[in-house]
Amino acid sequence: MVIGKVVGSIVSTRKSENLIGNKFMVIEPLKEMKGGSERFVAIDNIGAGIGETVLVAMGSAARVGMENAPVDAAIVGIVDE
């Protein structure tokens, strides 16, 4: 998992049928969590907003509950403090 800040959103009018109704957010990992990682896109099912710090599941853990969806990163929590 990665902790990062939501720095933007992406609008996609054409996408896989399994992703319809989901938001895509641009995540910038916190400096302490980067490990060579740059910004990436994560699916957002919990309603995170730009500027919020979030917890992101990566890889196969991001697809839990989204069978057959081409997802590699999913926002799974909003960090309060």
PDB file of N, CA and C in Angstrom:
ATOM      1  N   MET A   1       0.839  -1.190   0.000  1.00  0.00           N
ATOM      2  CA  MET A   1       0.000   0.000   0.000  1.00  0.00           C
ATOM      3  C   MET A   1       0.874   1.240   0.000  1.00  0.00           C
ATOM      4  N   VAL A   2       0.298   2.305  -0.514  1.00  0.00           N
ATOM      5  CA  VAL A   2       1.000   3.576  -0.640  1.00  0.00           C
ATOM      6  C   VAL A   2       0.125   4.674  -0.048  1.00  0.00           C
ATOM      7  N   ILE A   3       0.770   5.626   0.631  1.00  0.00           N
ATOM      8  CA  ILE A   3       0.067   6.822   1.092  1.00  0.00           C
ATOM      9  C   ILE A   3       0.448   7.944   0.142  1.00  0.00           C
ATOM     10  N   GLY A   4      -0.559   8.648  -0.366  1.00  0.00           N
ATOM     11  CA  GLY A   4      -0.294   9.728  -1.307  1.00  0.00           C
ATOM     12  C   GLY A   4      -1.350  10.802  -1.237  1.00  0.00           C
ATOM     13  N   LYS A   5      -1.135  11.844  -2.019  1.00  0.00           N
ATOM     14  CA  LYS A   5      -2.070  12.967  -2.070  1.00  0.00           C
ATOM     15  C   LYS A   5      -2.740  12.972  -3.438  1.00  0.00           C
ATOM     16  N   VAL A   6      -4.048  13.218  -3.441  1.00  0.00           N
ATOM     17  CA  VAL A   6      -4.790  13.335  -4.690  1.00  0.00           C
ATOM     18  C   VAL A   6      -4.474  14.709  -5.277  1.00  0.00           C
ATOM     19  N   VAL A   7      -3.884  14.727  -6.480  1.00  0.00           N
ATOM     20  CA  VAL A   7      -3.477  15.991  -7.094  1.00  0.00           C
ATOM     21  C   VAL A   7      -4.284  16.337  -8.338  1.00  0.00           C
ATOM     22  N   GLY A   8      -5.190  15.458  -8.737  1.00  0.00           N
ATOM     23  CA  GLY A   8      -6.004  15.746  -9.911  1.00  0.00           C
ATOM     24  C   GLY A   8      -6.942  14.608 -10.223  1.00  0.00           C
ATOM     25  N   SER A   9      -7.717  14.804 -11.261  1.00  0.00           N
ATOM     26  CA  SER A   9      -8.638  13.754 -11.701  1.00  0.00           C
ATOM     27  C   SER A   9      -8.517  13.604 -13.210  1.00  0.00           C
ATOM     28  N   ILE A  10      -9.000  12.479 -13.694  1.00  0.00           N
ATOM     29  CA  ILE A  10      -8.963  12.195 -15.123  1.00  0.00           C
ATOM     30  C   ILE A  10     -10.383  11.890 -15.576  1.00  0.00           C
ATOM     31  N   VAL A  11     -10.769  12.452 -16.705  1.00  0.00           N
ATOM     32  CA  VAL A  11     -12.081  12.181 -17.279  1.00  0.00           C
ATOM     33  C   VAL A  11     -11.885  11.267 -18.478  1.00  0.00           C
ATOM     34  N   SER A  12     -12.628  10.183 -18.501  1.00  0.00           N
ATOM     35  CA  SER A  12     -12.552   9.226 -19.598  1.00  0.00           C
ATOM     36  C   SER A  12     -13.961   8.883 -20.046  1.00  0.00           C
ATOM     37  N   THR A  13     -14.316   9.312 -21.240  1.00  0.00           N
ATOM     38  CA  THR A  13     -15.670   9.042 -21.730  1.00  0.00           C
ATOM     39  C   THR A  13     -15.796   7.635 -22.304  1.00  0.00           C
ATOM     40  N   ARG A  14     -14.679   7.034 -22.708  1.00  0.00           N
ATOM     41  CA  ARG A  14     -14.695   5.666 -23.232  1.00  0.00           C
ATOM     42  C   ARG A  14     -13.739   4.837 -22.395  1.00  0.00           C
ATOM     43  N   LYS A  15     -14.260   3.762 -21.816  1.00  0.00           N
ATOM     44  CA  LYS A  15     -13.449   2.890 -20.969  1.00  0.00           C
ATOM     45  C   LYS A  15     -14.068   1.506 -20.908  1.00  0.00           C
ATOM     46  N   SER A  16     -13.348   0.591 -20.308  1.00  0.00           N
ATOM     47  CA  SER A  16     -13.831  -0.768 -20.141  1.00  0.00           C
ATOM     48  C   SER A  16     -15.196  -0.747 -19.458  1.00  0.00           C
ATOM     49  N   GLU A  17     -16.083  -1.630 -19.886  1.00  0.00           N
ATOM     50  CA  GLU A  17     -17.420  -1.698 -19.291  1.00  0.00           C
ATOM     51  C   GLU A  17     -17.365  -1.927 -17.786  1.00  0.00           C
ATOM     52  N   ASN A  18     -16.339  -2.612 -17.308  1.00  0.00           N
ATOM     53  CA  ASN A  18     -16.203  -2.909 -15.884  1.00  0.00           C
ATOM     54  C   ASN A  18     -15.804  -1.682 -15.066  1.00  0.00           C
ATOM     55  N   LEU A  19     -15.458  -0.588 -15.734  1.00  0.00           N
ATOM     56  CA  LEU A  19     -15.040   0.626 -15.028  1.00  0.00           C
ATOM     57  C   LEU A  19     -16.056   1.757 -15.106  1.00  0.00           C
ATOM     58  N   ILE A  20     -17.154   1.525 -15.794  1.00  0.00           N
ATOM     59  CA  ILE A  20     -18.168   2.576 -15.932  1.00  0.00           C
ATOM     60  C   ILE A  20     -18.719   2.942 -14.553  1.00  0.00           C
ATOM     61  N   GLY A  21     -18.813   4.243 -14.301  1.00  0.00           N
ATOM     62  CA  GLY A  21     -19.334   4.737 -13.031  1.00  0.00           C
ATOM     63  C   GLY A  21     -18.269   5.000 -11.987  1.00  0.00           C
ATOM     64  N   ASN A  22     -16.998   4.733 -12.313  1.00  0.00           N
ATOM     65  CA  ASN A  22     -15.908   4.962 -11.365  1.00  0.00           C
ATOM     66  C   ASN A  22     -15.113   6.209 -11.742  1.00  0.00           C
ATOM     67  N   LYS A  23     -14.569   6.885 -10.728  1.00  0.00           N
ATOM     68  CA  LYS A  23     -13.716   8.054 -10.943  1.00  0.00           C
ATOM     69  C   LYS A  23     -12.263   7.608 -10.983  1.00  0.00           C
ATOM     70  N   PHE A  24     -11.455   8.337 -11.742  1.00  0.00           N
ATOM     71  CA  PHE A  24     -10.018   8.112 -11.777  1.00  0.00           C
ATOM     72  C   PHE A  24      -9.329   9.335 -11.193  1.00  0.00           C
ATOM     73  N   MET A  25      -8.436   9.129 -10.237  1.00  0.00           N
ATOM     74  CA  MET A  25      -7.732  10.221  -9.580  1.00  0.00           C
ATOM     75  C   MET A  25      -6.222  10.069  -9.780  1.00  0.00           C
ATOM     76  N   VAL A  26      -5.528  11.208  -9.907  1.00  0.00           N
ATOM     77  CA  VAL A  26      -4.073  11.215 -10.033  1.00  0.00           C
ATOM     78  C   VAL A  26      -3.493  11.310  -8.625  1.00  0.00           C
ATOM     79  N   ILE A  27      -2.600  10.375  -8.281  1.00  0.00           N
ATOM     80  CA  ILE A  27      -2.023  10.290  -6.940  1.00  0.00           C
ATOM     81  C   ILE A  27      -0.533  10.596  -7.004  1.00  0.00           C
ATOM     82  N   GLU A  28      -0.083  11.433  -6.088  1.00  0.00           N
ATOM     83  CA  GLU A  28       1.348  11.693  -5.922  1.00  0.00           C
ATOM     84  C   GLU A  28       1.774  11.092  -4.582  1.00  0.00           C
ATOM     85  N   PRO A  29       2.608  10.043  -4.613  1.00  0.00           N
ATOM     86  CA  PRO A  29       3.028   9.416  -3.352  1.00  0.00           C
ATOM     87  C   PRO A  29       3.757  10.420  -2.461  1.00  0.00           C
ATOM     88  N   LEU A  30       3.591  10.284  -1.141  1.00  0.00           N
ATOM     89  CA  LEU A  30       4.332  11.135  -0.220  1.00  0.00           C
ATOM     90  C   LEU A  30       5.819  10.876  -0.396  1.00  0.00           C
ATOM     91  N   LYS A  31       6.643  11.886  -0.148  1.00  0.00           N
ATOM     92  CA  LYS A  31       8.093  11.757  -0.347  1.00  0.00           C
ATOM     93  C   LYS A  31       8.654  10.552   0.390  1.00  0.00           C
ATOM     94  N   GLU A  32       8.160  10.294   1.596  1.00  0.00           N
ATOM     95  CA  GLU A  32       8.657   9.183   2.396  1.00  0.00           C
ATOM     96  C   GLU A  32       8.273   7.828   1.798  1.00  0.00           C
ATOM     97  N   MET A  33       7.268   7.785   0.923  1.00  0.00           N
ATOM     98  CA  MET A  33       6.743   6.535   0.382  1.00  0.00           C
ATOM     99  C   MET A  33       7.141   6.306  -1.075  1.00  0.00           C
ATOM    100  N   LYS A  34       7.822   7.258  -1.697  1.00  0.00           N
ATOM    101  CA  LYS A  34       8.053   7.198  -3.144  1.00  0.00           C
ATOM    102  C   LYS A  34       8.730   5.929  -3.604  1.00  0.00           C
ATOM    103  N   GLY A  35       9.896   5.615  -3.103  1.00  0.00           N
ATOM    104  CA  GLY A  35      10.596   4.421  -3.552  1.00  0.00           C
ATOM    105  C   GLY A  35      10.766   4.385  -5.063  1.00  0.00           C
ATOM    106  N   GLY A  36      11.097   5.524  -5.673  1.00  0.00           N
ATOM    107  CA  GLY A  36      11.278   5.590  -7.114  1.00  0.00           C
ATOM    108  C   GLY A  36       9.982   5.770  -7.884  1.00  0.00           C
ATOM    109  N   SER A  37       8.869   5.873  -7.189  1.00  0.00           N
ATOM    110  CA  SER A  37       7.571   5.979  -7.847  1.00  0.00           C
ATOM    111  C   SER A  37       7.207   7.435  -8.136  1.00  0.00           C
ATOM    112  N   GLU A  38       6.594   7.654  -9.269  1.00  0.00           N
ATOM    113  CA  GLU A  38       6.094   8.972  -9.653  1.00  0.00           C
ATOM    114  C   GLU A  38       4.572   8.960  -9.544  1.00  0.00           C
ATOM    115  N   ARG A  39       3.937   9.988 -10.039  1.00  0.00           N
ATOM    116  CA  ARG A  39       2.472  10.052 -10.016  1.00  0.00           C
ATOM    117  C   ARG A  39       1.867   8.875 -10.778  1.00  0.00           C
ATOM    118  N   PHE A  40       0.701   8.453 -10.324  1.00  0.00           N
ATOM    119  CA  PHE A  40      -0.003   7.358 -10.990  1.00  0.00           C
ATOM    120  C   PHE A  40      -1.503   7.582 -10.864  1.00  0.00           C
ATOM    121  N   VAL A  41      -2.271   6.798 -11.590  1.00  0.00           N
ATOM    122  CA  VAL A  41      -3.727   6.906 -11.590  1.00  0.00           C
ATOM    123  C   VAL A  41      -4.306   5.771 -10.757  1.00  0.00           C
ATOM    124  N   ALA A  42      -5.284   6.098  -9.919  1.00  0.00           N
ATOM    125  CA  ALA A  42      -5.978   5.093  -9.100  1.00  0.00           C
ATOM    126  C   ALA A  42      -7.479   5.276  -9.257  1.00  0.00           C
ATOM    127  N   ILE A  43      -8.191   4.174  -9.214  1.00  0.00           N
ATOM    128  CA  ILE A  43      -9.650   4.217  -9.264  1.00  0.00           C
ATOM    129  C   ILE A  43     -10.143   4.631  -7.873  1.00  0.00           C
ATOM    130  N   ASP A  44     -11.223   5.402  -7.839  1.00  0.00           N
ATOM    131  CA  ASP A  44     -11.732   5.920  -6.567  1.00  0.00           C
ATOM    132  C   ASP A  44     -13.189   5.508  -6.373  1.00  0.00           C
ATOM    133  N   ASN A  45     -13.410   4.598  -5.451  1.00  0.00           N
ATOM    134  CA  ASN A  45     -14.764   4.153  -5.137  1.00  0.00           C
ATOM    135  C   ASN A  45     -15.293   4.739  -3.835  1.00  0.00           C
ATOM    136  N   ILE A  46     -14.477   5.536  -3.139  1.00  0.00           N
ATOM    137  CA  ILE A  46     -14.892   6.027  -1.823  1.00  0.00           C
ATOM    138  C   ILE A  46     -15.168   7.523  -1.775  1.00  0.00           C
ATOM    139  N   GLY A  47     -14.935   8.231  -2.868  1.00  0.00           N
ATOM    140  CA  GLY A  47     -15.267   9.652  -2.918  1.00  0.00           C
ATOM    141  C   GLY A  47     -14.186  10.584  -2.420  1.00  0.00           C
ATOM    142  N   ALA A  48     -12.926  10.248  -2.655  1.00  0.00           N
ATOM    143  CA  ALA A  48     -11.829  11.140  -2.260  1.00  0.00           C
ATOM    144  C   ALA A  48     -11.836  12.373  -3.155  1.00  0.00           C
ATOM    145  N   GLY A  49     -11.341  13.473  -2.611  1.00  0.00           N
ATOM    146  CA  GLY A  49     -11.298  14.709  -3.376  1.00  0.00           C
ATOM    147  C   GLY A  49      -9.876  15.196  -3.564  1.00  0.00           C
ATOM    148  N   ILE A  50      -9.707  16.129  -4.471  1.00  0.00           N
ATOM    149  CA  ILE A  50      -8.391  16.704  -4.727  1.00  0.00           C
ATOM    150  C   ILE A  50      -7.889  17.380  -3.463  1.00  0.00           C
ATOM    151  N   GLY A  51      -6.623  17.116  -3.129  1.00  0.00           N
ATOM    152  CA  GLY A  51      -6.004  17.687  -1.939  1.00  0.00           C
ATOM    153  C   GLY A  51      -6.021  16.758  -0.742  1.00  0.00           C
ATOM    154  N   GLU A  52      -6.790  15.677  -0.803  1.00  0.00           N
ATOM    155  CA  GLU A  52      -6.868  14.761   0.324  1.00  0.00           C
ATOM    156  C   GLU A  52      -5.727  13.756   0.295  1.00  0.00           C
ATOM    157  N   THR A  53      -5.306  13.331   1.488  1.00  0.00           N
ATOM    158  CA  THR A  53      -4.302  12.286   1.625  1.00  0.00           C
ATOM    159  C   THR A  53      -5.039  10.961   1.693  1.00  0.00           C
ATOM    160  N   VAL A  54      -4.591   9.997   0.868  1.00  0.00           N
ATOM    161  CA  VAL A  54      -5.322   8.736   0.730  1.00  0.00           C
ATOM    162  C   VAL A  54      -4.393   7.532   0.875  1.00  0.00           C
ATOM    163  N   LEU A  55      -5.006   6.403   1.171  1.00  0.00           N
ATOM    164  CA  LEU A  55      -4.334   5.111   1.228  1.00  0.00           C
ATOM    165  C   LEU A  55      -4.717   4.359  -0.038  1.00  0.00           C
ATOM    166  N   VAL A  56      -3.707   3.879  -0.772  1.00  0.00           N
ATOM    167  CA  VAL A  56      -3.947   3.242  -2.065  1.00  0.00           C
ATOM    168  C   VAL A  56      -3.441   1.804  -2.050  1.00  0.00           C
ATOM    169  N   ALA A  57      -4.310   0.880  -2.418  1.00  0.00           N
ATOM    170  CA  ALA A  57      -3.921  -0.523  -2.591  1.00  0.00           C
ATOM    171  C   ALA A  57      -3.415  -0.684  -4.017  1.00  0.00           C
ATOM    172  N   MET A  58      -2.352  -1.481  -4.170  1.00  0.00           N
ATOM    173  CA  MET A  58      -1.734  -1.668  -5.478  1.00  0.00           C
ATOM    174  C   MET A  58      -1.790  -3.142  -5.886  1.00  0.00           C
ATOM    175  N   GLY A  59      -1.708  -3.386  -7.178  1.00  0.00           N
ATOM    176  CA  GLY A  59      -1.652  -4.753  -7.696  1.00  0.00           C
ATOM    177  C   GLY A  59      -2.963  -5.495  -7.526  1.00  0.00           C
ATOM    178  N   SER A  60      -2.857  -6.797  -7.267  1.00  0.00           N
ATOM    179  CA  SER A  60      -4.066  -7.628  -7.191  1.00  0.00           C
ATOM    180  C   SER A  60      -4.982  -7.225  -6.041  1.00  0.00           C
ATOM    181  N   ALA A  61      -4.446  -6.634  -4.981  1.00  0.00           N
ATOM    182  CA  ALA A  61      -5.277  -6.182  -3.864  1.00  0.00           C
ATOM    183  C   ALA A  61      -6.234  -5.067  -4.299  1.00  0.00           C
ATOM    184  N   ALA A  62      -5.885  -4.324  -5.336  1.00  0.00           N
ATOM    185  CA  ALA A  62      -6.738  -3.241  -5.827  1.00  0.00           C
ATOM    186  C   ALA A  62      -7.980  -3.771  -6.525  1.00  0.00           C
ATOM    187  N   ARG A  63      -7.955  -5.019  -6.957  1.00  0.00           N
ATOM    188  CA  ARG A  63      -9.087  -5.594  -7.692  1.00  0.00           C
ATOM    189  C   ARG A  63     -10.101  -6.298  -6.811  1.00  0.00           C
ATOM    190  N   VAL A  64      -9.892  -6.343  -5.515  1.00  0.00           N
ATOM    191  CA  VAL A  64     -10.832  -7.021  -4.621  1.00  0.00           C
ATOM    192  C   VAL A  64     -12.198  -6.346  -4.746  1.00  0.00           C
ATOM    193  N   GLY A  65     -13.198  -7.127  -5.043  1.00  0.00           N
ATOM    194  CA  GLY A  65     -14.552  -6.611  -5.213  1.00  0.00           C
ATOM    195  C   GLY A  65     -14.825  -6.065  -6.602  1.00  0.00           C
ATOM    196  N   MET A  66     -13.834  -6.128  -7.480  1.00  0.00           N
ATOM    197  CA  MET A  66     -13.990  -5.630  -8.852  1.00  0.00           C
ATOM    198  C   MET A  66     -13.511  -6.697  -9.828  1.00  0.00           C
ATOM    199  N   GLU A  67     -14.099  -7.857  -9.760  1.00  0.00           N
ATOM    200  CA  GLU A  67     -13.684  -8.954 -10.620  1.00  0.00           C
ATOM    201  C   GLU A  67     -13.720  -8.559 -12.091  1.00  0.00           C
ATOM    202  N   ASN A  68     -12.729  -9.013 -12.825  1.00  0.00           N
ATOM    203  CA  ASN A  68     -12.597  -8.770 -14.265  1.00  0.00           C
ATOM    204  C   ASN A  68     -12.421  -7.298 -14.635  1.00  0.00           C
ATOM    205  N   ALA A  69     -12.027  -6.459 -13.684  1.00  0.00           N
ATOM    206  CA  ALA A  69     -11.777  -5.052 -13.980  1.00  0.00           C
ATOM    207  C   ALA A  69     -10.268  -4.844 -14.124  1.00  0.00           C
ATOM    208  N   PRO A  70      -9.837  -4.120 -15.145  1.00  0.00           N
ATOM    209  CA  PRO A  70      -8.416  -3.874 -15.351  1.00  0.00           C
ATOM    210  C   PRO A  70      -7.896  -2.770 -14.431  1.00  0.00           C
ATOM    211  N   VAL A  71      -7.760  -3.091 -13.141  1.00  0.00           N
ATOM    212  CA  VAL A  71      -7.370  -2.105 -12.137  1.00  0.00           C
ATOM    213  C   VAL A  71      -6.051  -2.514 -11.500  1.00  0.00           C
ATOM    214  N   ASP A  72      -5.119  -1.544 -11.385  1.00  0.00           N
ATOM    215  CA  ASP A  72      -3.828  -1.816 -10.763  1.00  0.00           C
ATOM    216  C   ASP A  72      -3.649  -1.000  -9.478  1.00  0.00           C
ATOM    217  N   ALA A  73      -4.474   0.026  -9.274  1.00  0.00           N
ATOM    218  CA  ALA A  73      -4.389   0.851  -8.064  1.00  0.00           C
ATOM    219  C   ALA A  73      -5.786   1.331  -7.703  1.00  0.00           C
ATOM    220  N   ALA A  74      -6.133   1.242  -6.412  1.00  0.00           N
ATOM    221  CA  ALA A  74      -7.458   1.670  -5.956  1.00  0.00           C
ATOM    222  C   ALA A  74      -7.340   2.406  -4.630  1.00  0.00           C
ATOM    223  N   ILE A  75      -8.030   3.533  -4.527  1.00  0.00           N
ATOM    224  CA  ILE A  75      -8.077   4.266  -3.262  1.00  0.00           C
ATOM    225  C   ILE A  75      -8.980   3.486  -2.324  1.00  0.00           C
ATOM    226  N   VAL A  76      -8.425   3.120  -1.155  1.00  0.00           N
ATOM    227  CA  VAL A  76      -9.190   2.307  -0.202  1.00  0.00           C
ATOM    228  C   VAL A  76      -9.448   3.043   1.110  1.00  0.00           C
ATOM    229  N   GLY A  77      -8.893   4.233   1.278  1.00  0.00           N
ATOM    230  CA  GLY A  77      -9.138   4.979   2.508  1.00  0.00           C
ATOM    231  C   GLY A  77      -8.674   6.419   2.392  1.00  0.00           C
ATOM    232  N   ILE A  78      -9.288   7.275   3.190  1.00  0.00           N
ATOM    233  CA  ILE A  78      -8.885   8.683   3.294  1.00  0.00           C
ATOM    234  C   ILE A  78      -8.216   8.832   4.653  1.00  0.00           C
ATOM    235  N   VAL A  79      -6.983   9.354   4.655  1.00  0.00           N
ATOM    236  CA  VAL A  79      -6.201   9.494   5.883  1.00  0.00           C
ATOM    237  C   VAL A  79      -6.647  10.754   6.622  1.00  0.00           C
ATOM    238  N   ASP A  80      -7.039  10.579   7.911  1.00  0.00           N
ATOM    239  CA  ASP A  80      -7.472  11.735   8.714  1.00  0.00           C
ATOM    240  C   ASP A  80      -6.298  12.474   9.341  1.00  0.00           C
ATOM    241  N   GLU A  81      -5.309  11.734   9.824  1.00  0.00           N
ATOM    242  CA  GLU A  81      -4.136  12.374  10.424  1.00  0.00           C
ATOM    243  C   GLU A  81      -2.957  11.468  10.409  1.00  0.00           C
TER     244      GLU A  81
END
